Amino acid sequence: MLSFHNQEPAPITVGFVGGSLWTHGLGPQQSQIVRNLTSTRYNVEIPAGEKESLTYTFATELHPQDLRLNIAAIVSDSKGNAYTMQAFNETVSVVEAPTSLFDPQMYVNPLGRSSYLLRYSGILTSVNLESSFT
């Protein structure tokens, strides 16, 4: 869930949101991209002084590891000028999904793949943030 707060005197439009997963490095030169995530088109206008929450979902198959999740939004002002905002840039953990003997998918997995979840600060697949467009 991405939360946008328009602090401009005019409406803004959230056009697209996209992201990527990166390895951890000591600097930008040592980090490597692991996976580009799907970009989603929103075209949601947020009136001046208002807040709007948008759901950004993605799916990917990765082995358990810690990665950096970078999410960016393309936002335009009332004059049509587009800006790229960094909406999120934090460490997340890919962890194995909990299994249960009562889960039928445990017994029917045609590709033999394991399930993994993205974990951030103990909350599964949920990222909350506040971005101000200035």
C-alpha atoms as a PDB file:
ATOM      1  CA  MET A   1       0.000   0.000   0.000  1.00  0.00           C
ATOM      2  CA  LEU A   2       1.459   3.341  -1.043  1.00  0.00           C
ATOM      3  CA  SER A   3       0.107   6.478   0.587  1.00  0.00           C
ATOM      4  CA  PHE A   4       0.525   9.796  -1.232  1.00  0.00           C
ATOM      5  CA  HIS A   5      -0.064  13.163   0.458  1.00  0.00           C
ATOM      6  CA  ASN A   6      -0.397  16.092  -1.953  1.00  0.00           C
ATOM      7  CA  GLN A   7       1.035  19.172  -0.241  1.00  0.00           C
ATOM      8  CA  GLU A   8       0.867  21.231  -3.427  1.00  0.00           C
ATOM      9  CA  PRO A   9      -1.667  24.059  -3.948  1.00  0.00           C
ATOM     10  CA  ALA A  10      -2.926  22.285  -7.108  1.00  0.00           C
ATOM     11  CA  PRO A  11      -3.874  18.689  -7.927  1.00  0.00           C
ATOM     12  CA  ILE A  12      -1.236  16.116  -8.862  1.00  0.00           C
ATOM     13  CA  THR A  13      -1.604  12.877 -10.810  1.00  0.00           C
ATOM     14  CA  VAL A  14       0.096   9.589  -9.940  1.00  0.00           C
ATOM     15  CA  GLY A  15       0.722   8.102 -13.382  1.00  0.00           C
ATOM     16  CA  PHE A  16       2.821   4.974 -12.848  1.00  0.00           C
ATOM     17  CA  VAL A  17       4.429   3.026 -10.020  1.00  0.00           C
ATOM     18  CA  GLY A  18       7.219   0.510 -10.599  1.00  0.00           C
ATOM     19  CA  GLY A  19       9.980  -1.127  -8.684  1.00  0.00           C
ATOM     20  CA  SER A  20      13.046  -3.299  -8.603  1.00  0.00           C
ATOM     21  CA  LEU A  21      14.867  -5.636  -6.232  1.00  0.00           C
ATOM     22  CA  TRP A  22      18.606  -5.128  -5.661  1.00  0.00           C
ATOM     23  CA  THR A  23      21.411  -6.932  -3.867  1.00  0.00           C
ATOM     24  CA  HIS A  24      23.092  -5.231  -0.928  1.00  0.00           C
ATOM     25  CA  GLY A  25      26.404  -3.606  -1.680  1.00  0.00           C
ATOM     26  CA  LEU A  26      28.697  -1.184   0.082  1.00  0.00           C
ATOM     27  CA  GLY A  27      27.801   1.468  -2.476  1.00  0.00           C
ATOM     28  CA  PRO A  28      25.807   1.993  -5.659  1.00  0.00           C
ATOM     29  CA  GLN A  29      28.571   0.398  -7.732  1.00  0.00           C
ATOM     30  CA  GLN A  30      28.492  -2.852  -5.721  1.00  0.00           C
ATOM     31  CA  SER A  31      24.690  -3.260  -5.781  1.00  0.00           C
ATOM     32  CA  GLN A  32      23.286  -5.321  -8.626  1.00  0.00           C
ATOM     33  CA  ILE A  33      19.746  -5.526  -9.884  1.00  0.00           C
ATOM     34  CA  VAL A  34      18.114  -8.882  -9.190  1.00  0.00           C
ATOM     35  CA  ARG A  35      14.693  -8.324 -10.710  1.00  0.00           C
ATOM     36  CA  ASN A  36      12.679  -5.542 -12.341  1.00  0.00           C
ATOM     37  CA  LEU A  37       9.107  -5.527 -11.079  1.00  0.00           C
ATOM     38  CA  THR A  38       5.966  -4.816 -13.042  1.00  0.00           C
ATOM     39  CA  SER A  39       5.051  -1.181 -13.586  1.00  0.00           C
ATOM     40  CA  THR A  40       1.421  -0.342 -12.926  1.00  0.00           C
ATOM     41  CA  ARG A  41      -0.509   2.513 -14.519  1.00  0.00           C
ATOM     42  CA  TYR A  42      -2.782   4.446 -12.139  1.00  0.00           C
ATOM     43  CA  ASN A  43      -3.588   7.922 -13.539  1.00  0.00           C
ATOM     44  CA  VAL A  44      -5.126   8.878 -10.186  1.00  0.00           C
ATOM     45  CA  GLU A  45      -5.599  12.574  -9.519  1.00  0.00           C
ATOM     46  CA  ILE A  46      -5.049  13.701  -5.941  1.00  0.00           C
ATOM     47  CA  PRO A  47      -6.606  17.088  -5.073  1.00  0.00           C
ATOM     48  CA  ALA A  48      -4.538  19.715  -3.244  1.00  0.00           C
ATOM     49  CA  GLY A  49      -4.072  18.880   0.435  1.00  0.00           C
ATOM     50  CA  GLU A  50      -5.598  15.402   0.077  1.00  0.00           C
ATOM     51  CA  LYS A  51      -4.221  11.901   0.678  1.00  0.00           C
ATOM     52  CA  GLU A  52      -4.678   8.831  -1.498  1.00  0.00           C
ATOM     53  CA  SER A  53      -3.653   5.217  -0.933  1.00  0.00           C
ATOM     54  CA  LEU A  54      -2.808   3.000  -3.898  1.00  0.00           C
ATOM     55  CA  THR A  55      -2.140  -0.713  -3.882  1.00  0.00           C
ATOM     56  CA  TYR A  56       1.043  -1.790  -5.665  1.00  0.00           C
ATOM     57  CA  THR A  57       1.315  -5.551  -5.984  1.00  0.00           C
ATOM     58  CA  PHE A  58       3.886  -7.749  -7.663  1.00  0.00           C
ATOM     59  CA  ALA A  59       4.830 -11.404  -7.788  1.00  0.00           C
ATOM     60  CA  THR A  60       8.222 -12.956  -8.320  1.00  0.00           C
ATOM     61  CA  GLU A  61      10.001 -16.208  -7.548  1.00  0.00           C
ATOM     62  CA  LEU A  62      13.181 -15.857  -5.522  1.00  0.00           C
ATOM     63  CA  HIS A  63      15.128 -17.899  -3.017  1.00  0.00           C
ATOM     64  CA  PRO A  64      15.256 -16.699   0.606  1.00  0.00           C
ATOM     65  CA  GLN A  65      17.576 -13.701   0.921  1.00  0.00           C
ATOM     66  CA  ASP A  66      17.701 -10.070   1.994  1.00  0.00           C
ATOM     67  CA  LEU A  67      17.268  -7.558  -0.822  1.00  0.00           C
ATOM     68  CA  ARG A  68      16.669  -3.852  -1.236  1.00  0.00           C
ATOM     69  CA  LEU A  69      13.201  -2.988  -2.586  1.00  0.00           C
ATOM     70  CA  ASN A  70      13.190   0.241  -4.580  1.00  0.00           C
ATOM     71  CA  ILE A  71       9.781   1.622  -5.615  1.00  0.00           C
ATOM     72  CA  ALA A  72       9.411   4.779  -7.722  1.00  0.00           C
ATOM     73  CA  ALA A  73       6.353   6.738  -8.828  1.00  0.00           C
ATOM     74  CA  ILE A  74       5.894   8.967 -11.879  1.00  0.00           C
ATOM     75  CA  VAL A  75       3.876  11.973 -10.699  1.00  0.00           C
ATOM     76  CA  SER A  76       2.753  14.945 -12.769  1.00  0.00           C
ATOM     77  CA  ASP A  77       1.667  18.397 -11.689  1.00  0.00           C
ATOM     78  CA  SER A  78      -1.319  20.391 -12.958  1.00  0.00           C
ATOM     79  CA  LYS A  79       0.829  21.806 -15.798  1.00  0.00           C
ATOM     80  CA  GLY A  80       1.699  18.319 -17.076  1.00  0.00           C
ATOM     81  CA  ASN A  81       5.311  18.317 -15.861  1.00  0.00           C
ATOM     82  CA  ALA A  82       6.337  14.770 -14.898  1.00  0.00           C
ATOM     83  CA  TYR A  83       8.572  13.954 -11.925  1.00  0.00           C
ATOM     84  CA  THR A  84      10.057  10.708 -10.676  1.00  0.00           C
ATOM     85  CA  MET A  85       9.697  10.238  -6.918  1.00  0.00           C
ATOM     86  CA  GLN A  86      11.423   7.566  -4.891  1.00  0.00           C
ATOM     87  CA  ALA A  87       8.534   6.113  -2.920  1.00  0.00           C
ATOM     88  CA  PHE A  88      10.360   3.360  -1.039  1.00  0.00           C
ATOM     89  CA  ASN A  89      13.963   2.149  -0.699  1.00  0.00           C
ATOM     90  CA  GLU A  90      14.430  -0.273   2.179  1.00  0.00           C
ATOM     91  CA  THR A  91      15.700  -3.756   2.956  1.00  0.00           C
ATOM     92  CA  VAL A  92      13.173  -6.567   2.657  1.00  0.00           C
ATOM     93  CA  SER A  93      13.549 -10.291   3.279  1.00  0.00           C
ATOM     94  CA  VAL A  94      12.358 -13.072   1.016  1.00  0.00           C
ATOM     95  CA  VAL A  95      11.298 -15.881   3.342  1.00  0.00           C
ATOM     96  CA  GLU A  96       9.761 -19.312   2.884  1.00  0.00           C
ATOM     97  CA  ALA A  97       5.982 -19.285   3.137  1.00  0.00           C
ATOM     98  CA  PRO A  98       4.649 -21.152   6.144  1.00  0.00           C
ATOM     99  CA  THR A  99       3.252 -24.565   5.273  1.00  0.00           C
ATOM    100  CA  SER A 100       0.511 -26.532   6.874  1.00  0.00           C
ATOM    101  CA  LEU A 101      -0.490 -30.161   6.562  1.00  0.00           C
ATOM    102  CA  PHE A 102      -3.995 -28.825   5.928  1.00  0.00           C
ATOM    103  CA  ASP A 103      -2.899 -26.777   2.892  1.00  0.00           C
ATOM    104  CA  PRO A 104      -3.919 -28.656  -0.282  1.00  0.00           C
ATOM    105  CA  GLN A 105      -1.286 -26.793  -2.323  1.00  0.00           C
ATOM    106  CA  MET A 106       1.365 -28.575  -0.301  1.00  0.00           C
ATOM    107  CA  TYR A 107       0.319 -31.833  -1.938  1.00  0.00           C
ATOM    108  CA  VAL A 108      -0.418 -30.498  -5.437  1.00  0.00           C
ATOM    109  CA  ASN A 109       2.539 -28.559  -6.748  1.00  0.00           C
ATOM    110  CA  PRO A 110       3.055 -29.542 -10.402  1.00  0.00           C
ATOM    111  CA  LEU A 111       6.332 -27.705 -10.865  1.00  0.00           C
ATOM    112  CA  GLY A 112       7.828 -28.711  -7.533  1.00  0.00           C
ATOM    113  CA  ARG A 113       8.394 -25.064  -6.630  1.00  0.00           C
ATOM    114  CA  SER A 114       8.536 -23.733  -3.106  1.00  0.00           C
ATOM    115  CA  SER A 115       6.509 -20.708  -2.054  1.00  0.00           C
ATOM    116  CA  TYR A 116       8.185 -17.604  -0.708  1.00  0.00           C
ATOM    117  CA  LEU A 117       6.885 -14.381   0.811  1.00  0.00           C
ATOM    118  CA  LEU A 118       8.336 -10.908   0.953  1.00  0.00           C
ATOM    119  CA  ARG A 119       8.771  -9.749   4.550  1.00  0.00           C
ATOM    120  CA  TYR A 120       9.360  -6.182   5.652  1.00  0.00           C
ATOM    121  CA  SER A 121       9.568  -5.328   9.348  1.00  0.00           C
ATOM    122  CA  GLY A 122       7.446  -8.329  10.295  1.00  0.00           C
ATOM    123  CA  ILE A 123       4.565  -7.343   7.994  1.00  0.00           C
ATOM    124  CA  LEU A 124       4.048  -9.638   5.029  1.00  0.00           C
ATOM    125  CA  THR A 125       3.722  -8.119   1.546  1.00  0.00           C
ATOM    126  CA  SER A 126       2.685  -4.727   2.892  1.00  0.00           C
ATOM    127  CA  VAL A 127       4.674  -1.527   2.532  1.00  0.00           C
ATOM    128  CA  ASN A 128       3.291   1.676   4.007  1.00  0.00           C
ATOM    129  CA  LEU A 129       4.866   5.033   3.295  1.00  0.00           C
ATOM    130  CA  GLU A 130       4.093   8.693   2.980  1.00  0.00           C
ATOM    131  CA  SER A 131       5.440  10.630  -0.012  1.00  0.00           C
ATOM    132  CA  SER A 132       5.166  14.372  -0.380  1.00  0.00           C
ATOM    133  CA  PHE A 133       5.208  15.938  -3.816  1.00  0.00           C
ATOM    134  CA  THR A 134       7.045  19.230  -3.722  1.00  0.00           C
END
